[in-house]
Amino acid sequence: MKKLIAMISMLLVTVALSATAFAAGSLSGKVTKIESDKVTVTVEGTLPAWAKKGATVSAAGGSPKVVSVQGNEVTLRFSKAKAAKLKVDSPVTLTESDGDDMQGC
């Protein structure tokens, strides 16, 4: 019985820590401006440390590069085709990229 309680406790702690780690790695925002391949996103709340100029993030099914950060606005460089699919005022979730994106054909 003690083993069962200990196992359930460890499972709950693991789930709680995983949820916290995932939540810290993403942020939500709204597209405010689209200029060719540059998309400006206004984010809610404060920006995490990984959202800095030159960083690669995951957003809208792609891996754009952060061009600039000013206050709570993040400007991303998408491919022109991906930027053309986005619409102003559409919601976007930015996630820290781990750099393990597929390469090639």
PDB file of N, CA and C in Angstrom:
ATOM      1  N   MET A   1       0.823  -1.194   0.000  1.00  0.00           N
ATOM      2  CA  MET A   1       0.000   0.000   0.000  1.00  0.00           C
ATOM      3  C   MET A   1       0.866   1.256   0.000  1.00  0.00           C
ATOM      4  N   LYS A   2       1.966   1.235   0.782  1.00  0.00           N
ATOM      5  CA  LYS A   2       2.846   2.399   0.830  1.00  0.00           C
ATOM      6  C   LYS A   2       3.511   2.633  -0.527  1.00  0.00           C
ATOM      7  N   LYS A   3       3.848   1.537  -1.219  1.00  0.00           N
ATOM      8  CA  LYS A   3       4.467   1.672  -2.536  1.00  0.00           C
ATOM      9  C   LYS A   3       3.501   2.314  -3.524  1.00  0.00           C
ATOM     10  N   LEU A   4       2.244   1.933  -3.452  1.00  0.00           N
ATOM     11  CA  LEU A   4       1.234   2.486  -4.343  1.00  0.00           C
ATOM     12  C   LEU A   4       1.064   3.984  -4.102  1.00  0.00           C
ATOM     13  N   ILE A   5       0.989   4.391  -2.853  1.00  0.00           N
ATOM     14  CA  ILE A   5       0.854   5.811  -2.517  1.00  0.00           C
ATOM     15  C   ILE A   5       2.089   6.582  -2.976  1.00  0.00           C
ATOM     16  N   ALA A   6       3.272   6.024  -2.771  1.00  0.00           N
ATOM     17  CA  ALA A   6       4.509   6.682  -3.195  1.00  0.00           C
ATOM     18  C   ALA A   6       4.556   6.819  -4.720  1.00  0.00           C
ATOM     19  N   MET A   7       4.113   5.788  -5.437  1.00  0.00           N
ATOM     20  CA  MET A   7       4.133   5.827  -6.891  1.00  0.00           C
ATOM     21  C   MET A   7       3.146   6.875  -7.417  1.00  0.00           C
ATOM     22  N   ILE A   8       1.969   6.937  -6.834  1.00  0.00           N
ATOM     23  CA  ILE A   8       0.976   7.931  -7.247  1.00  0.00           C
ATOM     24  C   ILE A   8       1.475   9.341  -6.949  1.00  0.00           C
ATOM     25  N   SER A   9       2.110   9.527  -5.807  1.00  0.00           N
ATOM     26  CA  SER A   9       2.659  10.840  -5.452  1.00  0.00           C
ATOM     27  C   SER A   9       3.727  11.282  -6.449  1.00  0.00           C
ATOM     28  N   MET A  10       4.614  10.372  -6.815  1.00  0.00           N
ATOM     29  CA  MET A  10       5.665  10.700  -7.782  1.00  0.00           C
ATOM     30  C   MET A  10       5.073  11.028  -9.151  1.00  0.00           C
ATOM     31  N   LEU A  11       4.025  10.318  -9.533  1.00  0.00           N
ATOM     32  CA  LEU A  11       3.364  10.586 -10.799  1.00  0.00           C
ATOM     33  C   LEU A  11       2.758  11.987 -10.807  1.00  0.00           C
ATOM     34  N   LEU A  12       2.093  12.365  -9.727  1.00  0.00           N
ATOM     35  CA  LEU A  12       1.491  13.693  -9.634  1.00  0.00           C
ATOM     36  C   LEU A  12       2.547  14.796  -9.661  1.00  0.00           C
ATOM     37  N   VAL A  13       3.650  14.594  -8.973  1.00  0.00           N
ATOM     38  CA  VAL A  13       4.736  15.583  -8.973  1.00  0.00           C
ATOM     39  C   VAL A  13       5.321  15.723 -10.376  1.00  0.00           C
ATOM     40  N   THR A  14       5.516  14.615 -11.066  1.00  0.00           N
ATOM     41  CA  THR A  14       6.062  14.647 -12.424  1.00  0.00           C
ATOM     42  C   THR A  14       5.139  15.396 -13.374  1.00  0.00           C
ATOM     43  N   VAL A  15       3.849  15.138 -13.290  1.00  0.00           N
ATOM     44  CA  VAL A  15       2.880  15.822 -14.145  1.00  0.00           C
ATOM     45  C   VAL A  15       2.869  17.318 -13.847  1.00  0.00           C
ATOM     46  N   ALA A  16       2.902  17.693 -12.584  1.00  0.00           N
ATOM     47  CA  ALA A  16       2.894  19.111 -12.210  1.00  0.00           C
ATOM     48  C   ALA A  16       4.139  19.830 -12.724  1.00  0.00           C
ATOM     49  N   LEU A  17       5.296  19.211 -12.592  1.00  0.00           N
ATOM     50  CA  LEU A  17       6.534  19.832 -13.065  1.00  0.00           C
ATOM     51  C   LEU A  17       6.576  19.915 -14.588  1.00  0.00           C
ATOM     52  N   SER A  18       6.049  18.924 -15.263  1.00  0.00           N
ATOM     53  CA  SER A  18       6.017  18.945 -16.728  1.00  0.00           C
ATOM     54  C   SER A  18       5.121  20.066 -17.237  1.00  0.00           C
ATOM     55  N   ALA A  19       3.983  20.251 -16.616  1.00  0.00           N
ATOM     56  CA  ALA A  19       3.066  21.314 -17.021  1.00  0.00           C
ATOM     57  C   ALA A  19       3.695  22.684 -16.803  1.00  0.00           C
ATOM     58  N   THR A  20       4.413  22.860 -15.715  1.00  0.00           N
ATOM     59  CA  THR A  20       5.074  24.134 -15.439  1.00  0.00           C
ATOM     60  C   THR A  20       6.172  24.399 -16.457  1.00  0.00           C
ATOM     61  N   ALA A  21       6.952  23.400 -16.780  1.00  0.00           N
ATOM     62  CA  ALA A  21       8.040  23.569 -17.747  1.00  0.00           C
ATOM     63  C   ALA A  21       7.495  23.893 -19.130  1.00  0.00           C
ATOM     64  N   PHE A  22       6.407  23.261 -19.532  1.00  0.00           N
ATOM     65  CA  PHE A  22       5.828  23.533 -20.844  1.00  0.00           C
ATOM     66  C   PHE A  22       5.244  24.931 -20.899  1.00  0.00           C
ATOM     67  N   ALA A  23       4.552  25.354 -19.862  1.00  0.00           N
ATOM     68  CA  ALA A  23       3.928  26.670 -19.851  1.00  0.00           C
ATOM     69  C   ALA A  23       4.970  27.778 -19.908  1.00  0.00           C
ATOM     70  N   ALA A  24       6.135  27.564 -19.331  1.00  0.00           N
ATOM     71  CA  ALA A  24       7.175  28.585 -19.332  1.00  0.00           C
ATOM     72  C   ALA A  24       7.818  28.718 -20.703  1.00  0.00           C
ATOM     73  N   GLY A  25       7.674  27.723 -21.562  1.00  0.00           N
ATOM     74  CA  GLY A  25       8.334  27.731 -22.853  1.00  0.00           C
ATOM     75  C   GLY A  25       7.507  28.289 -23.989  1.00  0.00           C
ATOM     76  N   SER A  26       6.336  28.852 -23.734  1.00  0.00           N
ATOM     77  CA  SER A  26       5.524  29.399 -24.814  1.00  0.00           C
ATOM     78  C   SER A  26       4.820  30.671 -24.360  1.00  0.00           C
ATOM     79  N   LEU A  27       4.422  31.476 -25.342  1.00  0.00           N
ATOM     80  CA  LEU A  27       3.661  32.682 -25.034  1.00  0.00           C
ATOM     81  C   LEU A  27       2.694  32.956 -26.169  1.00  0.00           C
ATOM     82  N   SER A  28       1.617  33.629 -25.842  1.00  0.00           N
ATOM     83  CA  SER A  28       0.570  33.905 -26.824  1.00  0.00           C
ATOM     84  C   SER A  28       0.581  35.370 -27.219  1.00  0.00           C
ATOM     85  N   GLY A  29       0.143  35.618 -28.439  1.00  0.00           N
ATOM     86  CA  GLY A  29       0.078  36.988 -28.927  1.00  0.00           C
ATOM     87  C   GLY A  29      -0.859  37.091 -30.110  1.00  0.00           C
ATOM     88  N   LYS A  30      -0.864  38.282 -30.713  1.00  0.00           N
ATOM     89  CA  LYS A  30      -1.736  38.551 -31.841  1.00  0.00           C
ATOM     90  C   LYS A  30      -0.922  39.255 -32.923  1.00  0.00           C
ATOM     91  N   VAL A  31      -1.125  38.866 -34.172  1.00  0.00           N
ATOM     92  CA  VAL A  31      -0.433  39.500 -35.292  1.00  0.00           C
ATOM     93  C   VAL A  31      -0.960  40.924 -35.436  1.00  0.00           C
ATOM     94  N   THR A  32      -0.049  41.911 -35.427  1.00  0.00           N
ATOM     95  CA  THR A  32      -0.464  43.304 -35.546  1.00  0.00           C
ATOM     96  C   THR A  32      -0.052  43.936 -36.867  1.00  0.00           C
ATOM     97  N   LYS A  33       0.997  43.400 -37.520  1.00  0.00           N
ATOM     98  CA  LYS A  33       1.465  44.001 -38.764  1.00  0.00           C
ATOM     99  C   LYS A  33       2.173  42.941 -39.603  1.00  0.00           C
ATOM    100  N   ILE A  34       1.948  42.991 -40.918  1.00  0.00           N
ATOM    101  CA  ILE A  34       2.625  42.087 -41.850  1.00  0.00           C
ATOM    102  C   ILE A  34       3.225  42.937 -42.964  1.00  0.00           C
ATOM    103  N   GLU A  35       4.558  42.866 -43.118  1.00  0.00           N
ATOM    104  CA  GLU A  35       5.264  43.584 -44.180  1.00  0.00           C
ATOM    105  C   GLU A  35       6.143  42.588 -44.924  1.00  0.00           C
ATOM    106  N   SER A  36       5.693  42.137 -46.078  1.00  0.00           N
ATOM    107  CA  SER A  36       6.430  41.165 -46.888  1.00  0.00           C
ATOM    108  C   SER A  36       6.680  39.901 -46.075  1.00  0.00           C
ATOM    109  N   ASP A  37       7.936  39.650 -45.665  1.00  0.00           N
ATOM    110  CA  ASP A  37       8.241  38.448 -44.885  1.00  0.00           C
ATOM    111  C   ASP A  37       8.380  38.726 -43.392  1.00  0.00           C
ATOM    112  N   LYS A  38       8.168  39.970 -42.966  1.00  0.00           N
ATOM    113  CA  LYS A  38       8.270  40.332 -41.547  1.00  0.00           C
ATOM    114  C   LYS A  38       6.878  40.427 -40.931  1.00  0.00           C
ATOM    115  N   VAL A  39       6.700  39.723 -39.831  1.00  0.00           N
ATOM    116  CA  VAL A  39       5.417  39.695 -39.130  1.00  0.00           C
ATOM    117  C   VAL A  39       5.641  40.190 -37.710  1.00  0.00           C
ATOM    118  N   THR A  40       4.881  41.210 -37.307  1.00  0.00           N
ATOM    119  CA  THR A  40       4.993  41.749 -35.957  1.00  0.00           C
ATOM    120  C   THR A  40       3.877  41.171 -35.100  1.00  0.00           C
ATOM    121  N   VAL A  41       4.265  40.625 -33.949  1.00  0.00           N
ATOM    122  CA  VAL A  41       3.324  40.006 -33.019  1.00  0.00           C
ATOM    123  C   VAL A  41       3.379  40.772 -31.705  1.00  0.00           C
ATOM    124  N   THR A  42       2.221  41.199 -31.204  1.00  0.00           N
ATOM    125  CA  THR A  42       2.136  41.811 -29.884  1.00  0.00           C
ATOM    126  C   THR A  42       1.770  40.713 -28.904  1.00  0.00           C
ATOM    127  N   VAL A  43       2.645  40.489 -27.921  1.00  0.00           N
ATOM    128  CA  VAL A  43       2.450  39.390 -26.979  1.00  0.00           C
ATOM    129  C   VAL A  43       1.780  39.881 -25.708  1.00  0.00           C
ATOM    130  N   GLU A  44       1.150  38.941 -25.024  1.00  0.00           N
ATOM    131  CA  GLU A  44       0.486  39.222 -23.757  1.00  0.00           C
ATOM    132  C   GLU A  44       1.477  38.993 -22.629  1.00  0.00           C
ATOM    133  N   GLY A  45       1.599  39.942 -21.729  1.00  0.00           N
ATOM    134  CA  GLY A  45       2.496  39.777 -20.586  1.00  0.00           C
ATOM    135  C   GLY A  45       3.937  40.103 -20.929  1.00  0.00           C
ATOM    136  N   THR A  46       4.839  39.648 -20.069  1.00  0.00           N
ATOM    137  CA  THR A  46       6.259  39.928 -20.253  1.00  0.00           C
ATOM    138  C   THR A  46       6.911  38.868 -21.130  1.00  0.00           C
ATOM    139  N   LEU A  47       7.962  39.265 -21.801  1.00  0.00           N
ATOM    140  CA  LEU A  47       8.679  38.345 -22.680  1.00  0.00           C
ATOM    141  C   LEU A  47       9.678  37.515 -21.890  1.00  0.00           C
ATOM    142  N   PRO A  48       9.776  36.222 -22.174  1.00  0.00           N
ATOM    143  CA  PRO A  48      10.793  35.388 -21.523  1.00  0.00           C
ATOM    144  C   PRO A  48      12.180  35.692 -22.096  1.00  0.00           C
ATOM    145  N   ALA A  49      13.206  35.201 -21.443  1.00  0.00           N
ATOM    146  CA  ALA A  49      14.589  35.474 -21.847  1.00  0.00           C
ATOM    147  C   ALA A  49      14.916  34.904 -23.223  1.00  0.00           C
ATOM    148  N   TRP A  50      14.272  33.826 -23.641  1.00  0.00           N
ATOM    149  CA  TRP A  50      14.592  33.208 -24.929  1.00  0.00           C
ATOM    150  C   TRP A  50      14.049  34.000 -26.108  1.00  0.00           C
ATOM    151  N   ALA A  51      13.134  34.929 -25.882  1.00  0.00           N
ATOM    152  CA  ALA A  51      12.569  35.745 -26.968  1.00  0.00           C
ATOM    153  C   ALA A  51      13.448  36.973 -27.175  1.00  0.00           C
ATOM    154  N   LYS A  52      14.579  36.785 -27.855  1.00  0.00           N
ATOM    155  CA  LYS A  52      15.528  37.877 -28.068  1.00  0.00           C
ATOM    156  C   LYS A  52      15.932  37.921 -29.538  1.00  0.00           C
ATOM    157  N   LYS A  53      16.496  39.034 -29.957  1.00  0.00           N
ATOM    158  CA  LYS A  53      16.909  39.225 -31.341  1.00  0.00           C
ATOM    159  C   LYS A  53      17.892  38.130 -31.759  1.00  0.00           C
ATOM    160  N   GLY A  54      17.642  37.544 -32.931  1.00  0.00           N
ATOM    161  CA  GLY A  54      18.516  36.505 -33.466  1.00  0.00           C
ATOM    162  C   GLY A  54      18.098  35.089 -33.113  1.00  0.00           C
ATOM    163  N   ALA A  55      17.171  34.938 -32.167  1.00  0.00           N
ATOM    164  CA  ALA A  55      16.727  33.603 -31.751  1.00  0.00           C
ATOM    165  C   ALA A  55      15.768  33.020 -32.792  1.00  0.00           C
ATOM    166  N   THR A  56      15.757  31.705 -32.901  1.00  0.00           N
ATOM    167  CA  THR A  56      14.797  31.009 -33.748  1.00  0.00           C
ATOM    168  C   THR A  56      13.701  30.459 -32.851  1.00  0.00           C
ATOM    169  N   VAL A  57      12.444  30.706 -33.230  1.00  0.00           N
ATOM    170  CA  VAL A  57      11.302  30.252 -32.442  1.00  0.00           C
ATOM    171  C   VAL A  57      10.402  29.390 -33.322  1.00  0.00           C
ATOM    172  N   SER A  58       9.443  28.742 -32.711  1.00  0.00           N
ATOM    173  CA  SER A  58       8.418  28.007 -33.448  1.00  0.00           C
ATOM    174  C   SER A  58       7.130  28.806 -33.361  1.00  0.00           C
ATOM    175  N   ALA A  59       6.533  29.082 -34.521  1.00  0.00           N
ATOM    176  CA  ALA A  59       5.289  29.852 -34.549  1.00  0.00           C
ATOM    177  C   ALA A  59       4.552  29.582 -35.854  1.00  0.00           C
ATOM    178  N   ALA A  60       3.262  29.431 -35.775  1.00  0.00           N
ATOM    179  CA  ALA A  60       2.388  29.281 -36.945  1.00  0.00           C
ATOM    180  C   ALA A  60       2.861  28.192 -37.901  1.00  0.00           C
ATOM    181  N   GLY A  61       3.354  27.096 -37.369  1.00  0.00           N
ATOM    182  CA  GLY A  61       3.777  25.982 -38.194  1.00  0.00           C
ATOM    183  C   GLY A  61       5.117  26.170 -38.874  1.00  0.00           C
ATOM    184  N   GLY A  62       5.867  27.179 -38.471  1.00  0.00           N
ATOM    185  CA  GLY A  62       7.181  27.424 -39.064  1.00  0.00           C
ATOM    186  C   GLY A  62       8.217  27.696 -37.994  1.00  0.00           C
ATOM    187  N   SER A  63       9.425  28.025 -38.436  1.00  0.00           N
ATOM    188  CA  SER A  63      10.521  28.344 -37.518  1.00  0.00           C
ATOM    189  C   SER A  63      11.125  29.693 -37.896  1.00  0.00           C
ATOM    190  N   PRO A  64      10.407  30.774 -37.605  1.00  0.00           N
ATOM    191  CA  PRO A  64      10.919  32.095 -37.965  1.00  0.00           C
ATOM    192  C   PRO A  64      12.047  32.548 -37.040  1.00  0.00           C
ATOM    193  N   LYS A  65      12.802  33.523 -37.514  1.00  0.00           N
ATOM    194  CA  LYS A  65      13.881  34.117 -36.729  1.00  0.00           C
ATOM    195  C   LYS A  65      13.372  35.440 -36.161  1.00  0.00           C
ATOM    196  N   VAL A  66      13.737  35.744 -34.917  1.00  0.00           N
ATOM    197  CA  VAL A  66      13.352  37.006 -34.288  1.00  0.00           C
ATOM    198  C   VAL A  66      14.240  38.104 -34.859  1.00  0.00           C
ATOM    199  N   VAL A  67      13.620  39.100 -35.510  1.00  0.00           N
ATOM    200  CA  VAL A  67      14.353  40.206 -36.117  1.00  0.00           C
ATOM    201  C   VAL A  67      14.566  41.324 -35.106  1.00  0.00           C
ATOM    202  N   SER A  68      13.524  41.638 -34.329  1.00  0.00           N
ATOM    203  CA  SER A  68      13.651  42.686 -33.317  1.00  0.00           C
ATOM    204  C   SER A  68      12.634  42.471 -32.207  1.00  0.00           C
ATOM    205  N   VAL A  69      12.959  43.054 -31.055  1.00  0.00           N
ATOM    206  CA  VAL A  69      12.070  43.018 -29.896  1.00  0.00           C
ATOM    207  C   VAL A  69      11.992  44.437 -29.348  1.00  0.00           C
ATOM    208  N   GLN A  70      10.780  45.001 -29.283  1.00  0.00           N
ATOM    209  CA  GLN A  70      10.580  46.336 -28.736  1.00  0.00           C
ATOM    210  C   GLN A  70       9.376  46.284 -27.805  1.00  0.00           C
ATOM    211  N   GLY A  71       9.642  46.393 -26.507  1.00  0.00           N
ATOM    212  CA  GLY A  71       8.569  46.304 -25.521  1.00  0.00           C
ATOM    213  C   GLY A  71       7.930  44.933 -25.570  1.00  0.00           C
ATOM    214  N   ASN A  72       6.619  44.901 -25.851  1.00  0.00           N
ATOM    215  CA  ASN A  72       5.936  43.611 -25.954  1.00  0.00           C
ATOM    216  C   ASN A  72       5.655  43.233 -27.412  1.00  0.00           C
ATOM    217  N   GLU A  73       6.368  43.868 -28.357  1.00  0.00           N
ATOM    218  CA  GLU A  73       6.239  43.537 -29.777  1.00  0.00           C
ATOM    219  C   GLU A  73       7.463  42.766 -30.253  1.00  0.00           C
ATOM    220  N   VAL A  74       7.214  41.646 -30.903  1.00  0.00           N
ATOM    221  CA  VAL A  74       8.277  40.807 -31.448  1.00  0.00           C
ATOM    222  C   VAL A  74       8.084  40.751 -32.960  1.00  0.00           C
ATOM    223  N   THR A  75       9.132  41.093 -33.711  1.00  0.00           N
ATOM    224  CA  THR A  75       9.073  41.026 -35.169  1.00  0.00           C
ATOM    225  C   THR A  75       9.800  39.769 -35.624  1.00  0.00           C
ATOM    226  N   LEU A  76       9.097  38.950 -36.412  1.00  0.00           N
ATOM    227  CA  LEU A  76       9.615  37.663 -36.872  1.00  0.00           C
ATOM    228  C   LEU A  76       9.792  37.677 -38.382  1.00  0.00           C
ATOM    229  N   ARG A  77      10.821  36.966 -38.885  1.00  0.00           N
ATOM    230  CA  ARG A  77      11.022  36.831 -40.326  1.00  0.00           C
ATOM    231  C   ARG A  77      10.623  35.413 -40.733  1.00  0.00           C
ATOM    232  N   PHE A  78       9.474  35.337 -41.433  1.00  0.00           N
ATOM    233  CA  PHE A  78       8.974  34.082 -41.983  1.00  0.00           C
ATOM    234  C   PHE A  78       9.391  33.984 -43.447  1.00  0.00           C
ATOM    235  N   SER A  79       9.121  32.852 -44.069  1.00  0.00           N
ATOM    236  CA  SER A  79       9.225  32.790 -45.527  1.00  0.00           C
ATOM    237  C   SER A  79       8.057  33.615 -46.074  1.00  0.00           C
ATOM    238  N   LYS A  80       8.194  34.123 -47.289  1.00  0.00           N
ATOM    239  CA  LYS A  80       7.131  34.966 -47.854  1.00  0.00           C
ATOM    240  C   LYS A  80       5.822  34.198 -47.988  1.00  0.00           C
ATOM    241  N   ALA A  81       5.906  32.915 -48.327  1.00  0.00           N
ATOM    242  CA  ALA A  81       4.696  32.095 -48.468  1.00  0.00           C
ATOM    243  C   ALA A  81       3.987  31.929 -47.127  1.00  0.00           C
ATOM    244  N   LYS A  82       4.758  31.688 -46.060  1.00  0.00           N
ATOM    245  CA  LYS A  82       4.166  31.510 -44.733  1.00  0.00           C
ATOM    246  C   LYS A  82       3.582  32.832 -44.234  1.00  0.00           C
ATOM    247  N   ALA A  83       4.290  33.941 -44.462  1.00  0.00           N
ATOM    248  CA  ALA A  83       3.804  35.255 -44.029  1.00  0.00           C
ATOM    249  C   ALA A  83       2.521  35.628 -44.765  1.00  0.00           C
ATOM    250  N   ALA A  84       2.404  35.230 -46.033  1.00  0.00           N
ATOM    251  CA  ALA A  84       1.205  35.540 -46.813  1.00  0.00           C
ATOM    252  C   ALA A  84      -0.024  34.813 -46.272  1.00  0.00           C
ATOM    253  N   LYS A  85       0.170  33.681 -45.613  1.00  0.00           N
ATOM    254  CA  LYS A  85      -0.954  32.915 -45.062  1.00  0.00           C
ATOM    255  C   LYS A  85      -1.477  33.515 -43.760  1.00  0.00           C
ATOM    256  N   LEU A  86      -0.654  34.294 -43.067  1.00  0.00           N
ATOM    257  CA  LEU A  86      -1.070  34.885 -41.796  1.00  0.00           C
ATOM    258  C   LEU A  86      -1.946  36.105 -42.042  1.00  0.00           C
ATOM    259  N   LYS A  87      -2.830  36.383 -41.114  1.00  0.00           N
ATOM    260  CA  LYS A  87      -3.730  37.529 -41.201  1.00  0.00           C
ATOM    261  C   LYS A  87      -3.548  38.410 -39.969  1.00  0.00           C
ATOM    262  N   VAL A  88      -3.734  39.717 -40.150  1.00  0.00           N
ATOM    263  CA  VAL A  88      -3.672  40.650 -39.031  1.00  0.00           C
ATOM    264  C   VAL A  88      -4.790  40.311 -38.052  1.00  0.00           C
ATOM    265  N   ASP A  89      -4.521  40.426 -36.773  1.00  0.00           N
ATOM    266  CA  ASP A  89      -5.426  40.120 -35.654  1.00  0.00           C
ATOM    267  C   ASP A  89      -5.626  38.622 -35.424  1.00  0.00           C
ATOM    268  N   SER A  90      -4.863  37.770 -36.107  1.00  0.00           N
ATOM    269  CA  SER A  90      -4.979  36.336 -35.838  1.00  0.00           C
ATOM    270  C   SER A  90      -4.092  35.964 -34.648  1.00  0.00           C
ATOM    271  N   PRO A  91      -4.533  35.027 -33.816  1.00  0.00           N
ATOM    272  CA  PRO A  91      -3.730  34.621 -32.652  1.00  0.00           C
ATOM    273  C   PRO A  91      -2.540  33.759 -33.070  1.00  0.00           C
ATOM    274  N   VAL A  92      -1.426  33.934 -32.357  1.00  0.00           N
ATOM    275  CA  VAL A  92      -0.203  33.182 -32.635  1.00  0.00           C
ATOM    276  C   VAL A  92       0.412  32.754 -31.311  1.00  0.00           C
ATOM    277  N   THR A  93       0.913  31.534 -31.252  1.00  0.00           N
ATOM    278  CA  THR A  93       1.645  31.056 -30.083  1.00  0.00           C
ATOM    279  C   THR A  93       3.108  30.903 -30.456  1.00  0.00           C
ATOM    280  N   LEU A  94       3.980  31.569 -29.705  1.00  0.00           N
ATOM    281  CA  LEU A  94       5.425  31.469 -29.909  1.00  0.00           C
ATOM    282  C   LEU A  94       5.980  30.481 -28.902  1.00  0.00           C
ATOM    283  N   THR A  95       6.829  29.590 -29.373  1.00  0.00           N
ATOM    284  CA  THR A  95       7.434  28.579 -28.518  1.00  0.00           C
ATOM    285  C   THR A  95       8.936  28.593 -28.732  1.00  0.00           C
ATOM    286  N   GLU A  96       9.666  28.396 -27.661  1.00  0.00           N
ATOM    287  CA  GLU A  96      11.119  28.322 -27.757  1.00  0.00           C
ATOM    288  C   GLU A  96      11.497  27.153 -28.653  1.00  0.00           C
ATOM    289  N   SER A  97      12.323  27.412 -29.649  1.00  0.00           N
ATOM    290  CA  SER A  97      12.743  26.364 -30.576  1.00  0.00           C
ATOM    291  C   SER A  97      13.957  25.649 -30.014  1.00  0.00           C
ATOM    292  N   ASP A  98      13.949  24.321 -30.140  1.00  0.00           N
ATOM    293  CA  ASP A  98      15.084  23.548 -29.643  1.00  0.00           C
ATOM    294  C   ASP A  98      16.155  23.358 -30.703  1.00  0.00           C
ATOM    295  N   GLY A  99      15.920  23.860 -31.916  1.00  0.00           N
ATOM    296  CA  GLY A  99      16.915  23.785 -32.975  1.00  0.00           C
ATOM    297  C   GLY A  99      16.985  22.451 -33.679  1.00  0.00           C
ATOM    298  N   ASP A 100      16.086  21.532 -33.389  1.00  0.00           N
ATOM    299  CA  ASP A 100      16.104  20.203 -33.995  1.00  0.00           C
ATOM    300  C   ASP A 100      15.075  20.076 -35.112  1.00  0.00           C
ATOM    301  N   ASP A 101      14.909  21.125 -35.912  1.00  0.00           N
ATOM    302  CA  ASP A 101      13.948  21.076 -37.002  1.00  0.00           C
ATOM    303  C   ASP A 101      14.471  20.204 -38.130  1.00  0.00           C
ATOM    304  N   MET A 102      13.546  19.619 -38.875  1.00  0.00           N
ATOM    305  CA  MET A 102      13.912  18.784 -40.010  1.00  0.00           C
ATOM    306  C   MET A 102      14.566  19.647 -41.083  1.00  0.00           C
ATOM    307  N   GLN A 103      15.579  19.127 -41.710  1.00  0.00           N
ATOM    308  CA  GLN A 103      16.280  19.825 -42.779  1.00  0.00           C
ATOM    309  C   GLN A 103      16.199  18.998 -44.045  1.00  0.00           C
ATOM    310  N   GLY A 104      16.195  19.653 -45.187  1.00  0.00           N
ATOM    311  CA  GLY A 104      16.211  18.931 -46.455  1.00  0.00           C
ATOM    312  C   GLY A 104      14.838  18.802 -47.068  1.00  0.00           C
ATOM    313  N   CYS A 105      14.709  17.879 -47.989  1.00  0.00           N
ATOM    314  CA  CYS A 105      13.493  17.729 -48.780  1.00  0.00           C
ATOM    315  C   CYS A 105      12.385  17.113 -47.991  1.00  0.00           C
TER     316      CYS A 105
END
